[in-house]
Amino acid sequence: PVSLDLITCTDKAFHDAGKGNPVYLGIKGNHLCLFCAEIQGQPTLQLKVSG
């Protein structure tokens, strides 16, 4: 099992005051986070190294 954490997205391009603050779902202790990307026209969850 893993522990999850919320990581604030600081990229101003994704901020929309009407929608709230965007976050990544982080995986504690692994420096990884989940994000949604469009792949072949479909939203798909991907893992990436968090900075």
N, C-alpha and C. Protein backbone atom coordinates (compact mmCIF):
# COMPACT_ATOMS: atom_id res chain seq x y z
N PRO A 1 0.82 -1.20 0.00
CA PRO A 1 0.00 0.00 0.00
C PRO A 1 0.86 1.26 0.00
N VAL A 2 0.31 2.33 -0.51
CA VAL A 2 1.01 3.62 -0.54
C VAL A 2 0.15 4.67 0.15
N SER A 3 0.80 5.75 0.57
CA SER A 3 0.10 6.91 1.14
C SER A 3 0.04 8.00 0.09
N LEU A 4 -1.09 8.67 0.01
CA LEU A 4 -1.28 9.73 -0.98
C LEU A 4 -1.24 11.09 -0.30
N ASP A 5 -0.88 12.10 -1.07
CA ASP A 5 -0.77 13.46 -0.56
C ASP A 5 -1.22 14.43 -1.64
N LEU A 6 -1.77 15.57 -1.26
CA LEU A 6 -2.13 16.61 -2.22
C LEU A 6 -0.96 17.56 -2.40
N ILE A 7 -0.58 17.82 -3.65
CA ILE A 7 0.52 18.72 -3.97
C ILE A 7 -0.06 19.88 -4.78
N THR A 8 0.13 21.10 -4.32
CA THR A 8 -0.41 22.28 -5.00
C THR A 8 0.28 22.48 -6.35
N CYS A 9 -0.52 22.72 -7.37
CA CYS A 9 0.01 23.05 -8.70
C CYS A 9 0.31 24.55 -8.71
N THR A 10 1.56 24.92 -8.95
CA THR A 10 1.95 26.33 -8.93
C THR A 10 2.04 26.94 -10.33
N ASP A 11 1.71 26.19 -11.36
CA ASP A 11 1.75 26.69 -12.73
C ASP A 11 0.56 27.61 -12.97
N LYS A 12 0.82 28.90 -13.17
CA LYS A 12 -0.23 29.91 -13.34
C LYS A 12 -1.11 29.63 -14.57
N ALA A 13 -0.60 28.90 -15.55
CA ALA A 13 -1.38 28.61 -16.76
C ALA A 13 -2.60 27.74 -16.45
N PHE A 14 -2.57 26.99 -15.36
CA PHE A 14 -3.67 26.10 -15.01
C PHE A 14 -4.59 26.67 -13.94
N HIS A 15 -4.29 27.87 -13.44
CA HIS A 15 -5.09 28.45 -12.36
C HIS A 15 -6.32 29.16 -12.92
N ASP A 16 -7.47 28.84 -12.37
CA ASP A 16 -8.73 29.49 -12.73
C ASP A 16 -9.46 29.77 -11.43
N ALA A 17 -9.55 31.04 -11.06
CA ALA A 17 -10.14 31.43 -9.77
C ALA A 17 -11.56 30.89 -9.61
N GLY A 18 -12.28 30.74 -10.70
CA GLY A 18 -13.65 30.23 -10.63
C GLY A 18 -13.74 28.75 -10.33
N LYS A 19 -12.64 28.02 -10.54
CA LYS A 19 -12.64 26.57 -10.34
C LYS A 19 -11.86 26.14 -9.10
N GLY A 20 -11.24 27.07 -8.40
CA GLY A 20 -10.46 26.72 -7.21
C GLY A 20 -9.00 26.49 -7.54
N ASN A 21 -8.28 25.86 -6.61
CA ASN A 21 -6.85 25.64 -6.76
C ASN A 21 -6.56 24.24 -7.29
N PRO A 22 -5.86 24.13 -8.42
CA PRO A 22 -5.54 22.81 -8.94
C PRO A 22 -4.48 22.12 -8.08
N VAL A 23 -4.59 20.81 -7.95
CA VAL A 23 -3.63 20.02 -7.17
C VAL A 23 -3.26 18.76 -7.94
N TYR A 24 -2.11 18.22 -7.61
CA TYR A 24 -1.70 16.90 -8.07
C TYR A 24 -1.96 15.93 -6.93
N LEU A 25 -2.24 14.68 -7.24
CA LEU A 25 -2.34 13.64 -6.24
C LEU A 25 -0.97 12.98 -6.15
N GLY A 26 -0.25 13.24 -5.06
CA GLY A 26 1.11 12.75 -4.90
C GLY A 26 1.16 11.41 -4.20
N ILE A 27 2.22 10.66 -4.46
CA ILE A 27 2.47 9.39 -3.79
C ILE A 27 3.62 9.61 -2.83
N LYS A 28 3.32 9.61 -1.53
CA LYS A 28 4.32 9.93 -0.51
C LYS A 28 5.51 8.98 -0.56
N GLY A 29 6.71 9.55 -0.38
CA GLY A 29 7.93 8.77 -0.28
C GLY A 29 8.50 8.30 -1.60
N ASN A 30 7.83 8.56 -2.71
CA ASN A 30 8.31 8.09 -4.01
C ASN A 30 8.58 9.22 -4.99
N HIS A 31 8.33 10.47 -4.61
CA HIS A 31 8.51 11.64 -5.48
C HIS A 31 7.77 11.46 -6.81
N LEU A 32 6.57 10.90 -6.73
CA LEU A 32 5.74 10.71 -7.91
C LEU A 32 4.39 11.37 -7.68
N CYS A 33 3.75 11.78 -8.78
CA CYS A 33 2.39 12.30 -8.68
C CYS A 33 1.60 11.84 -9.89
N LEU A 34 0.29 11.81 -9.73
CA LEU A 34 -0.62 11.47 -10.82
C LEU A 34 -1.10 12.76 -11.48
N PHE A 35 -1.22 12.75 -12.78
CA PHE A 35 -1.80 13.88 -13.49
C PHE A 35 -2.56 13.35 -14.69
N CYS A 36 -3.47 14.14 -15.18
CA CYS A 36 -4.30 13.74 -16.30
C CYS A 36 -3.73 14.33 -17.59
N ALA A 37 -3.54 13.48 -18.59
CA ALA A 37 -3.05 13.91 -19.90
C ALA A 37 -4.00 13.39 -20.97
N GLU A 38 -4.07 14.10 -22.08
CA GLU A 38 -4.90 13.62 -23.18
C GLU A 38 -4.04 12.75 -24.08
N ILE A 39 -4.42 11.49 -24.21
CA ILE A 39 -3.69 10.53 -25.05
C ILE A 39 -4.70 9.93 -26.02
N GLN A 40 -4.43 10.09 -27.30
CA GLN A 40 -5.32 9.64 -28.37
C GLN A 40 -6.76 10.13 -28.14
N GLY A 41 -6.87 11.39 -27.70
CA GLY A 41 -8.17 12.01 -27.52
C GLY A 41 -8.91 11.64 -26.25
N GLN A 42 -8.28 10.85 -25.39
CA GLN A 42 -8.92 10.40 -24.15
C GLN A 42 -8.14 10.89 -22.93
N PRO A 43 -8.83 11.36 -21.88
CA PRO A 43 -8.13 11.72 -20.64
C PRO A 43 -7.57 10.45 -19.99
N THR A 44 -6.29 10.49 -19.64
CA THR A 44 -5.61 9.31 -19.10
C THR A 44 -4.73 9.71 -17.93
N LEU A 45 -4.82 8.96 -16.82
CA LEU A 45 -3.94 9.22 -15.68
C LEU A 45 -2.53 8.75 -15.99
N GLN A 46 -1.56 9.61 -15.67
CA GLN A 46 -0.15 9.31 -15.89
C GLN A 46 0.62 9.55 -14.59
N LEU A 47 1.76 8.89 -14.44
CA LEU A 47 2.67 9.14 -13.32
C LEU A 47 3.80 10.01 -13.81
N LYS A 48 4.22 10.98 -12.98
CA LYS A 48 5.41 11.74 -13.33
C LYS A 48 6.19 12.04 -12.05
N VAL A 49 7.48 12.30 -12.21
CA VAL A 49 8.33 12.65 -11.09
C VAL A 49 7.96 14.05 -10.64
N SER A 50 7.69 14.22 -9.35
CA SER A 50 7.35 15.54 -8.83
C SER A 50 8.61 16.28 -8.44
N GLY A 51 8.61 17.58 -8.68
CA GLY A 51 9.79 18.40 -8.43
C GLY A 51 9.77 18.90 -7.07
